[in-house]
Protein backbone atom coordinates (compact mmCIF):
# COMPACT_ATOMS: atom_id res chain seq x y z
CA MET A 1 -11.46 -7.46 27.40
CA SER A 2 -11.83 -9.41 24.22
CA SER A 3 -13.23 -13.00 24.21
CA SER A 4 -10.45 -13.80 21.52
CA GLN A 5 -7.70 -13.73 24.36
CA TYR A 6 -7.09 -17.66 25.04
CA ILE A 7 -5.15 -18.63 27.98
CA LEU A 8 -3.49 -22.13 29.10
CA ILE A 9 -3.03 -22.52 32.50
CA ILE A 10 -0.60 -25.37 33.66
CA ASP A 11 -0.61 -26.24 37.43
CA ASP A 12 -0.71 -29.51 39.22
CA GLU A 13 -2.89 -27.82 42.05
CA GLU A 14 -6.59 -28.41 41.02
CA ASN A 15 -7.63 -25.78 43.23
CA MET A 16 -5.03 -23.39 41.78
CA ARG A 17 -6.16 -24.24 38.29
CA TYR A 18 -10.14 -23.79 39.16
CA MET A 19 -9.29 -20.37 40.85
CA LEU A 20 -7.25 -19.12 38.05
CA SER A 21 -9.99 -20.33 35.63
CA VAL A 22 -12.74 -18.74 37.44
CA MET A 23 -11.05 -15.26 38.02
CA LEU A 24 -9.71 -15.06 34.35
CA THR A 25 -12.95 -16.16 32.62
CA ARG A 26 -14.76 -13.44 34.73
CA GLN A 27 -12.22 -11.11 33.19
CA GLY A 28 -13.29 -12.22 29.77
CA TYR A 29 -10.49 -14.58 28.84
CA ARG A 30 -10.97 -17.90 27.43
CA VAL A 31 -9.55 -20.64 29.65
CA ASP A 32 -7.97 -23.98 29.07
CA GLN A 33 -6.06 -26.41 31.82
CA ALA A 34 -3.24 -28.83 31.83
CA GLU A 35 -2.15 -30.46 35.12
CA ASN A 36 1.63 -30.79 34.04
CA GLY A 37 4.30 -29.80 31.46
CA ALA A 38 3.74 -32.71 29.48
CA GLU A 39 -0.04 -32.33 28.95
CA GLY A 40 0.76 -28.53 28.42
CA LEU A 41 3.01 -29.47 25.65
CA ALA A 42 0.44 -31.49 24.14
CA ARG A 43 -2.25 -28.98 24.06
CA LEU A 44 0.08 -26.48 22.51
CA ALA A 45 0.64 -29.20 19.84
CA THR A 46 -3.33 -28.79 18.93
CA ASN A 47 -4.29 -25.53 19.91
CA VAL A 48 -3.15 -21.80 19.54
CA TYR A 49 -2.92 -19.75 22.85
CA ASP A 50 -2.43 -16.08 23.40
CA PHE A 51 -0.93 -16.59 26.79
CA VAL A 52 0.37 -19.53 29.05
CA LEU A 53 0.51 -19.50 32.88
CA CYS A 54 2.67 -22.10 34.00
CA ASP A 55 3.73 -23.41 37.56
CA ILE A 56 7.35 -24.22 37.84
CA ARG A 57 7.20 -26.93 40.31
CA MET A 58 5.41 -29.93 39.28
CA PRO A 59 5.84 -33.52 38.86
CA GLU A 60 6.38 -35.66 35.54
CA MET A 61 7.78 -32.42 33.77
CA ASP A 62 8.46 -29.31 35.70
CA GLY A 63 7.73 -25.68 34.34
CA ARG A 64 11.46 -25.21 33.26
CA ALA A 65 11.40 -28.48 31.22
CA PHE A 66 7.87 -27.18 29.66
CA LEU A 67 9.27 -24.01 28.88
CA LEU A 68 12.18 -25.34 26.87
CA GLY A 69 9.66 -27.75 24.96
CA ALA A 70 7.46 -24.93 23.92
CA LEU A 71 10.32 -22.97 22.81
CA GLU A 72 11.66 -25.61 20.89
CA GLN A 73 8.06 -26.06 19.16
CA GLY A 74 8.28 -22.63 18.23
CA VAL A 75 5.59 -21.47 20.55
CA SER A 76 5.37 -17.31 20.17
CA ALA A 77 2.82 -16.92 23.23
CA PRO A 78 4.25 -15.26 26.08
CA ILE A 79 4.83 -17.64 28.77
CA ILE A 80 4.45 -16.42 32.37
CA MET A 81 5.99 -18.35 35.14
CA MET A 82 4.28 -19.17 38.78
CA SER A 83 6.03 -20.62 41.81
CA ALA A 84 5.51 -20.63 45.40
CA TYR A 85 9.01 -21.67 45.83
CA GLY A 86 10.31 -18.97 43.59
CA SER A 87 13.77 -16.93 43.77
CA VAL A 88 15.48 -14.38 42.02
CA GLU A 89 17.70 -16.93 40.67
CA THR A 90 14.75 -19.22 39.24
CA ALA A 91 13.14 -15.95 37.69
CA ILE A 92 16.53 -14.90 35.86
CA ASP A 93 16.87 -18.46 34.81
CA CYS A 94 13.63 -18.71 33.25
CA MET A 95 13.66 -15.27 31.74
CA LYS A 96 16.95 -16.14 29.98
CA LEU A 97 15.51 -19.22 28.60
CA GLY A 98 12.57 -17.27 26.81
CA GLY A 99 9.93 -16.76 29.74
CA TYR A 100 8.12 -13.39 29.51
CA ASP A 101 7.50 -12.96 33.12
CA PHE A 102 7.58 -14.34 36.69
CA ILE A 103 4.96 -13.95 39.34
CA SER A 104 5.23 -15.52 42.92
CA LYS A 105 2.59 -17.36 44.81
CA PRO A 106 0.28 -16.50 46.31
CA PHE A 107 -0.68 -13.32 44.30
CA LYS A 108 -3.47 -11.34 44.39
CA LYS A 109 -6.10 -11.13 41.73
CA ASP A 110 -4.84 -7.63 40.60
CA GLU A 111 -1.32 -8.95 40.09
CA ILE A 112 -2.04 -11.68 37.77
CA VAL A 113 -4.43 -9.43 35.70
CA MET A 114 -1.84 -6.56 35.57
CA VAL A 115 0.94 -8.97 34.19
CA LEU A 116 -1.35 -10.27 31.68
CA LYS A 117 -2.50 -6.72 30.44
CA LYS A 118 1.17 -6.05 30.26
CA ALA A 119 1.78 -9.08 28.17
CA GLU A 120 -1.08 -8.23 25.95
CA GLU A 121 0.35 -4.45 25.28
CA ARG A 122 3.74 -6.09 24.69
CA GLU A 123 2.30 -8.17 21.93
CA ARG A 124 0.39 -5.42 20.52
CA LEU A 125 3.30 -3.25 20.26
CA LYS A 126 5.44 -6.05 18.82
CA ALA A 127 2.56 -6.75 15.80
CA GLU A 128 2.21 -3.00 15.13
CA ASN A 129 6.24 -2.78 15.03
CA SER A 130 6.37 -5.40 12.72
CA ARG A 131 3.57 -3.98 10.59
CA LEU A 132 5.46 -0.56 10.66
CA ARG A 133 8.91 -2.39 9.59
CA GLU A 134 7.11 -3.97 6.66
CA VAL A 135 5.53 -0.58 5.63
CA VAL A 136 9.18 1.19 6.10
CA ALA A 137 10.94 -1.62 4.20
CA GLY A 138 8.88 -0.86 1.30
CA LYS A 139 8.95 2.66 1.50
CA PHE A 140 12.39 3.43 2.19
CA SER A 141 13.99 0.42 0.21
CA TYR A 142 15.09 0.02 -3.22
CA SER A 143 16.33 -3.25 -4.34
CA GLY A 144 17.57 -4.17 -0.91
CA ILE A 145 19.08 -0.60 -0.20
CA LEU A 146 17.53 0.67 2.88
CA SER A 147 17.42 4.72 3.67
CA ARG A 148 14.96 7.16 4.55
CA SER A 149 17.47 10.27 4.23
CA PRO A 150 16.71 12.85 1.34
CA VAL A 151 20.34 12.38 0.07
CA MET A 152 19.62 8.66 -0.61
CA GLN A 153 16.06 9.20 -1.75
CA GLU A 154 17.60 11.45 -4.39
CA LEU A 155 20.29 8.77 -5.11
CA PHE A 156 17.47 5.97 -5.81
CA GLY A 157 15.93 8.61 -8.23
CA GLN A 158 19.29 8.92 -10.22
CA ILE A 159 19.89 4.78 -10.22
CA LYS A 160 16.18 4.51 -11.79
CA ARG A 161 17.16 6.86 -14.39
CA VAL A 162 20.11 5.10 -15.96
CA THR A 163 19.14 1.42 -15.15
CA ASP A 164 18.20 0.70 -19.04
CA LEU A 165 21.14 2.84 -20.39
CA LYS A 166 24.47 1.02 -21.31
CA THR A 167 26.23 4.15 -20.03
CA THR A 168 29.30 3.41 -18.06
CA ILE A 169 28.65 4.20 -14.18
CA LEU A 170 31.28 5.25 -11.63
CA ILE A 171 30.21 4.81 -8.02
CA LEU A 172 32.17 6.65 -5.53
CA GLY A 173 32.03 6.28 -1.86
CA GLU A 174 34.12 5.22 1.16
CA SER A 175 34.60 1.70 2.15
CA GLY A 176 31.56 -0.15 3.46
CA THR A 177 28.72 2.40 2.09
CA GLY A 178 27.53 -0.21 -0.11
CA LYS A 179 28.76 0.25 -3.77
CA GLU A 180 28.35 -2.95 -4.93
CA LEU A 181 24.56 -3.23 -3.83
CA VAL A 182 24.05 -0.13 -6.05
CA ALA A 183 25.74 -1.75 -8.80
CA ARG A 184 23.40 -4.89 -8.41
CA ALA A 185 20.58 -2.71 -7.99
CA LEU A 186 21.40 -1.03 -11.51
CA HIS A 187 21.88 -4.46 -13.04
CA GLN A 188 18.62 -6.06 -11.55
CA ASN A 189 16.39 -3.30 -12.20
CA GLY A 190 17.56 -2.98 -16.12
CA ARG A 191 17.08 -4.75 -19.36
CA ARG A 192 20.28 -6.74 -18.62
CA SER A 193 18.85 -8.24 -15.59
CA LYS A 194 18.37 -11.80 -17.10
CA HIS A 195 22.11 -12.25 -17.97
CA SER A 196 25.15 -12.37 -15.80
CA PHE A 197 26.24 -9.65 -13.08
CA VAL A 198 30.22 -10.50 -12.77
CA ALA A 199 31.98 -8.71 -10.17
CA VAL A 200 35.70 -8.32 -9.71
CA ASN A 201 37.90 -6.43 -7.03
CA CYS A 202 40.63 -5.33 -8.87
CA GLY A 203 42.56 -4.83 -5.90
CA ALA A 204 42.48 -8.25 -4.77
CA ILE A 205 44.14 -9.99 -7.66
CA PRO A 206 47.59 -9.86 -8.34
CA GLU A 207 48.76 -7.79 -11.33
CA ASN A 208 50.23 -10.59 -13.36
CA LEU A 209 46.93 -12.39 -13.37
CA LEU A 210 44.33 -9.58 -13.49
CA GLU A 211 44.73 -9.25 -17.28
CA SER A 212 44.00 -12.97 -17.75
CA GLU A 213 40.96 -12.90 -15.22
CA LEU A 214 39.67 -9.88 -17.19
CA PHE A 215 40.17 -10.83 -20.93
CA GLY A 216 40.94 -14.47 -20.54
CA HIS A 217 43.90 -16.71 -22.22
CA VAL A 218 44.52 -19.30 -24.93
CA ARG A 219 46.28 -22.43 -24.19
CA GLY A 220 49.99 -21.79 -23.97
CA ALA A 221 50.04 -18.16 -23.50
CA PHE A 222 52.31 -18.43 -20.28
CA THR A 223 53.61 -21.22 -18.33
CA ASP A 224 50.46 -22.25 -16.48
CA ALA A 225 48.15 -21.81 -19.17
CA SER A 226 47.44 -25.41 -19.75
CA SER A 227 43.95 -24.53 -21.61
CA ASP A 228 41.87 -22.04 -22.78
CA LYS A 229 40.19 -19.71 -20.36
CA THR A 230 36.93 -17.56 -20.57
CA GLY A 231 37.66 -14.03 -19.04
CA LEU A 232 35.06 -11.96 -16.95
CA PHE A 233 34.39 -10.05 -19.99
CA GLU A 234 33.00 -13.03 -21.70
CA GLN A 235 31.43 -14.26 -18.72
CA ALA A 236 29.39 -10.99 -18.53
CA ASP A 237 28.45 -10.88 -22.24
CA GLY A 238 25.13 -9.43 -22.33
CA GLY A 239 25.08 -8.40 -18.73
CA THR A 240 27.06 -6.18 -16.23
CA LEU A 241 30.73 -6.31 -15.28
CA PHE A 242 31.42 -4.76 -11.91
CA LEU A 243 34.89 -3.53 -11.31
CA ASP A 244 35.13 -2.70 -7.90
CA GLU A 245 38.18 -0.75 -6.65
CA ILE A 246 39.05 0.39 -10.03
CA GLY A 247 41.45 2.80 -8.60
CA GLU A 248 43.78 0.01 -7.70
CA MET A 249 43.95 -1.21 -11.59
CA PRO A 250 47.64 -0.96 -12.79
CA LEU A 251 48.57 1.68 -15.56
CA SER A 252 49.56 -1.09 -17.75
CA LEU A 253 45.96 -2.44 -17.94
CA GLN A 254 44.42 0.79 -17.84
CA VAL A 255 45.07 1.33 -21.56
CA LYS A 256 43.64 -2.37 -22.43
CA LEU A 257 40.55 -1.53 -20.48
CA LEU A 258 40.15 1.57 -22.25
CA ARG A 259 40.32 -0.01 -25.57
CA VAL A 260 37.55 -2.30 -24.83
CA LEU A 261 35.51 0.24 -23.66
CA GLN A 262 36.00 2.11 -26.75
CA GLU A 263 35.75 -0.33 -29.59
CA GLY A 264 33.53 -3.05 -27.65
CA GLU A 265 35.85 -6.05 -28.14
CA ILE A 266 38.35 -8.16 -26.29
CA LYS A 267 41.44 -10.22 -27.17
CA ARG A 268 42.52 -13.11 -24.76
CA VAL A 269 46.19 -13.05 -23.59
CA GLY A 270 48.13 -14.80 -26.25
CA GLY A 271 45.25 -14.82 -28.75
CA ALA A 272 45.31 -13.31 -32.13
CA LEU A 273 41.82 -12.68 -32.63
CA SER A 274 39.29 -10.33 -31.16
CA LYS A 275 35.83 -10.90 -30.02
CA LYS A 276 32.97 -8.67 -29.85
CA VAL A 277 31.30 -8.45 -26.35
CA ASP A 278 28.25 -6.51 -25.31
CA VAL A 279 28.82 -5.54 -21.92
CA ARG A 280 27.82 -2.86 -19.36
CA VAL A 281 30.55 -1.59 -17.25
CA ILE A 282 29.94 -0.02 -13.82
CA SER A 283 33.08 0.85 -11.85
CA ALA A 284 33.48 1.80 -8.16
CA THR A 285 36.17 3.24 -6.06
CA SER A 286 36.81 4.89 -2.66
CA ARG A 287 39.97 6.14 -3.89
CA ASP A 288 40.03 10.21 -5.16
CA LEU A 289 40.29 9.65 -8.86
CA SER A 290 40.69 12.98 -9.87
CA ALA A 291 43.68 13.57 -7.52
CA ASP A 292 45.29 10.10 -8.79
CA VAL A 293 44.72 11.52 -12.44
CA ALA A 294 46.47 14.77 -11.34
CA SER A 295 49.60 12.55 -9.88
CA GLY A 296 49.80 10.56 -13.01
CA ARG A 297 48.38 7.44 -11.05
CA PHE A 298 45.31 6.89 -13.28
CA ARG A 299 44.81 7.66 -16.91
CA GLU A 300 42.81 10.98 -17.44
CA ASP A 301 41.35 9.36 -20.85
CA LEU A 302 40.06 6.18 -18.87
CA TYR A 303 38.80 8.31 -16.10
CA PHE A 304 36.44 10.19 -18.20
CA ARG A 305 35.35 6.88 -20.32
CA LEU A 306 34.50 5.28 -16.96
CA ASN A 307 32.84 8.81 -15.45
CA VAL A 308 30.07 9.29 -17.85
CA PHE A 309 27.60 9.21 -15.14
CA CYS A 310 28.59 9.39 -11.41
CA LEU A 311 26.81 8.25 -8.31
CA GLN A 312 28.38 9.26 -5.00
CA LEU A 313 27.39 7.32 -2.04
CA PRO A 314 27.12 9.38 1.37
CA PRO A 315 29.16 8.14 4.29
CA LEU A 316 26.91 6.60 7.26
CA ARG A 317 27.84 9.66 9.37
CA GLU A 318 25.91 11.90 6.85
CA ARG A 319 23.01 9.97 6.92
CA VAL A 320 22.48 9.30 10.68
CA GLU A 321 18.52 9.22 10.42
CA ASP A 322 19.37 5.62 8.37
CA ILE A 323 21.15 4.13 11.65
CA PRO A 324 17.88 2.96 13.40
CA LEU A 325 16.35 1.61 10.23
CA LEU A 326 19.57 -0.29 9.38
CA ALA A 327 20.24 -1.71 12.93
CA GLU A 328 16.58 -3.13 13.20
CA HIS A 329 17.17 -4.66 9.71
CA PHE A 330 20.43 -6.26 10.78
CA LEU A 331 19.06 -7.07 14.11
CA SER A 332 16.12 -8.94 12.26
CA ARG A 333 18.73 -11.00 9.91
CA TYR A 334 20.92 -12.22 12.75
CA ARG A 335 18.21 -13.41 15.18
CA SER A 336 16.27 -15.21 12.26
CA GLY A 337 16.85 -18.73 12.35
CA THR A 338 18.94 -18.68 15.33
CA ASP A 339 18.40 -19.21 19.10
CA ILE A 340 19.63 -15.43 19.44
CA GLN A 341 16.39 -13.52 20.49
CA PRO A 342 16.86 -9.79 21.34
CA LEU A 343 13.86 -8.10 21.01
CA GLN A 344 14.78 -4.51 20.77
CA ILE A 345 17.45 -1.90 21.01
CA ALA A 346 17.55 0.08 23.98
CA PRO A 347 17.33 3.95 23.52
CA GLU A 348 20.67 4.34 25.27
CA THR A 349 22.26 1.88 22.86
CA LEU A 350 20.73 3.61 19.83
CA ARG A 351 22.40 6.87 21.06
CA CYS A 352 25.57 5.16 21.07
CA LEU A 353 24.93 4.08 17.46
CA MET A 354 23.91 7.52 16.39
CA ALA A 355 26.88 9.27 17.85
CA HIS A 356 29.55 7.14 16.47
CA ARG A 357 31.31 8.38 13.44
CA TRP A 358 31.30 5.03 11.62
CA PRO A 359 34.70 5.12 9.80
CA GLY A 360 33.79 1.48 8.55
CA ASN A 361 30.29 2.58 7.46
CA ILE A 362 27.32 0.14 6.97
CA ARG A 363 29.73 -2.65 7.01
CA GLU A 364 30.68 -1.71 10.54
CA LEU A 365 27.22 -1.37 11.68
CA GLU A 366 26.42 -4.70 10.62
CA ASN A 367 29.30 -6.05 12.40
CA ALA A 368 28.34 -4.08 15.70
CA ILE A 369 24.86 -5.47 15.43
CA GLU A 370 26.08 -8.91 14.87
CA ARG A 371 28.54 -8.84 17.93
CA ALA A 372 25.53 -7.47 20.04
CA CYS A 373 23.34 -10.24 19.21
CA ILE A 374 26.06 -12.87 20.36
CA LEU A 375 26.52 -11.02 23.53
CA CYS A 376 23.10 -10.28 24.59
CA ASP A 377 21.50 -12.72 26.83
CA THR A 378 18.49 -10.53 27.67
CA GLY A 379 15.49 -9.29 25.72
CA CYS A 380 17.30 -6.15 25.09
CA ILE A 381 20.59 -4.85 23.58
CA THR A 382 22.29 -2.74 26.01
CA PRO A 383 25.51 -0.75 25.22
CA SER A 384 27.64 -3.25 27.11
CA SER A 385 26.95 -5.30 24.18
CA LEU A 386 28.64 -2.78 21.83
CA PRO A 387 32.33 -2.55 20.87
CA PRO A 388 34.28 -0.03 23.38
CA SER A 389 34.78 2.48 20.59
CA ILE A 390 30.91 2.78 19.90
CA ARG A 391 29.84 2.30 23.36
CA LEU A 392 32.09 5.30 24.71
CA ALA A 393 31.27 7.54 21.91
CA VAL A 394 28.36 9.41 24.00
CA GLU A 395 27.50 9.04 27.71
CA PRO A 396 24.68 6.66 28.36
CA TYR A 397 21.33 7.92 27.97
CA ASN A 398 19.35 7.83 31.38
CA MET A 399 16.04 6.31 31.30
CA GLU A 400 13.60 7.89 33.80
CA SER A 401 11.30 4.67 33.64
CA SER A 402 11.27 1.43 32.22
CA GLY A 403 7.74 1.46 30.76
CA ASP A 404 6.96 0.52 27.11
CA GLU A 405 6.68 4.29 26.08
CA ASN A 406 10.57 4.66 26.64
CA LEU A 407 11.33 1.73 23.95
CA SER A 408 10.37 3.66 21.14
CA ILE A 409 13.18 3.85 18.86
CA LYS A 410 11.59 6.49 16.92
CA LYS A 411 11.00 8.80 19.47
CA ALA A 412 14.61 8.10 21.00
CA GLU A 413 15.98 8.76 17.41
CA ASP A 414 13.80 12.03 16.96
CA SER A 415 15.09 13.26 20.58
CA ILE A 416 18.98 12.51 20.13
CA GLU A 417 18.79 14.14 16.41
CA ARG A 418 17.05 17.32 17.94
CA ASP A 419 19.41 17.63 20.69
CA LEU A 420 22.60 17.32 18.60
CA ILE A 421 21.24 20.02 16.15
CA ARG A 422 20.20 22.38 18.98
CA LYS A 423 23.97 22.11 20.46
CA ALA A 424 25.81 22.53 17.30
CA LEU A 425 23.41 25.53 16.29
CA ALA A 426 24.30 27.13 19.77
CA ARG A 427 27.87 26.33 19.55
CA THR A 428 28.02 28.19 16.18
CA GLY A 429 25.82 30.88 17.30
CA GLY A 430 23.10 30.07 14.82
CA ASN A 431 25.41 29.50 11.77
CA ARG A 432 23.95 26.66 9.84
CA THR A 433 26.82 26.21 7.60
CA HIS A 434 29.26 25.80 10.28
CA ALA A 435 26.74 23.68 12.27
CA ALA A 436 26.14 21.13 9.36
CA LYS A 437 30.24 20.71 8.99
CA ILE A 438 30.13 19.95 12.90
CA LEU A 439 27.36 17.32 12.61
CA GLU A 440 28.90 16.09 9.49
CA ILE A 441 25.76 16.31 7.22
CA SER A 442 25.24 18.29 4.20
CA HIS A 443 23.68 21.90 4.63
CA ARG A 444 20.56 20.75 2.77
CA SER A 445 19.99 17.92 5.27
CA LEU A 446 20.51 20.48 8.19
CA LEU A 447 17.91 22.96 6.71
CA TYR A 448 15.42 19.65 6.27
CA LYS A 449 15.76 18.51 9.87
CA VAL A 450 15.61 22.02 11.30
CA LYS A 451 12.35 22.62 9.53
CA GLU A 452 11.10 18.84 10.39
CA TYR A 453 11.73 19.52 14.31
CA GLY A 454 10.65 23.04 14.50
CA ILE A 455 14.03 24.19 15.79
CA ASP A 456 14.29 28.26 15.85
């Protein structure tokens, strides 16, 4: 046992403090003592401990009040509660409040040592997971876009190729796949990053107001035009204008947008003079624009003008390997700065997340994790905290034991993915093209995974 492990013992019985102090010192721990909760909080204010052993029933300030006070101070050391008057209800209450574990008096030496070793291992795993998350976030992140899937890594490379160009970009993808994140990445990593990034949803503004929003207007141009107004193109001068849901733009405005893209100048509604603007236009849509062109709903010349370089965002169901990474990212976001403190996602919960088709893509996953954080009242998010549509996507994962080795997200993810691939290949008689369609991933992704997992 490393001598760096420092334990605070809080108990109103001097004999108990002495016994624990002698026993733990022999085990290699450094020990400090306090005779009640108030003294314990005072020591926490001036010392950093690795673990705290605290009695529940004490005068002046009991263990429960101490636990609340310690958590309020932001103490991260595991707090193990002790009581000769303990009950299941007391244990559950303390665990819900944030206590690490509960042990009933009288206890044997081996019991307390085992609890401490378990706490040490948990802290080691937490530190390791935190370090790995930092490494993963750097390796599998591009301007805040998280992914380790081959198709997304290839997309990152495409983004890097065109960040400094004025080339118009068309981003295609289902709703919730992160099209605006990609647009912002194009802007933030290019030469225009010092200027404005202006975003507008073409489907969210009424047709009679959209022209004024884009190009501005002069005073008196229409009934409510009481003063001159600068349009979004002018606001984005020198920077980037992101036209989200470009497929919703009415035909009457499409021809005017085409003129701006061709001539590089705008004219305010009601104005007589044109003005030059230097704007890079990035557009995005979840619609099939080629089909809209064929039906006459979208101008062909504008389509080709916007689609000089196309970035296709895959749906989440085609990048299943990213679900654990994204889920952990959202989990960290929603537990940060709040009293919501789930420590991990149970493997059976991860199985549900990876089996769901995610029609709402990443936005749906983010909402599901936020909901789970709100409903979770223990240290682990279970399937019961998920929406029914996700929870029922797969039969619950049966855990043979509750040891720490079964809490590895990476191991659970690999096991789930390997099983799904094997089942798909068995169902299709080894036809990988057909299996890829069943799994709803690309054929190339399937070949990559088959090789990675060594599947025959």
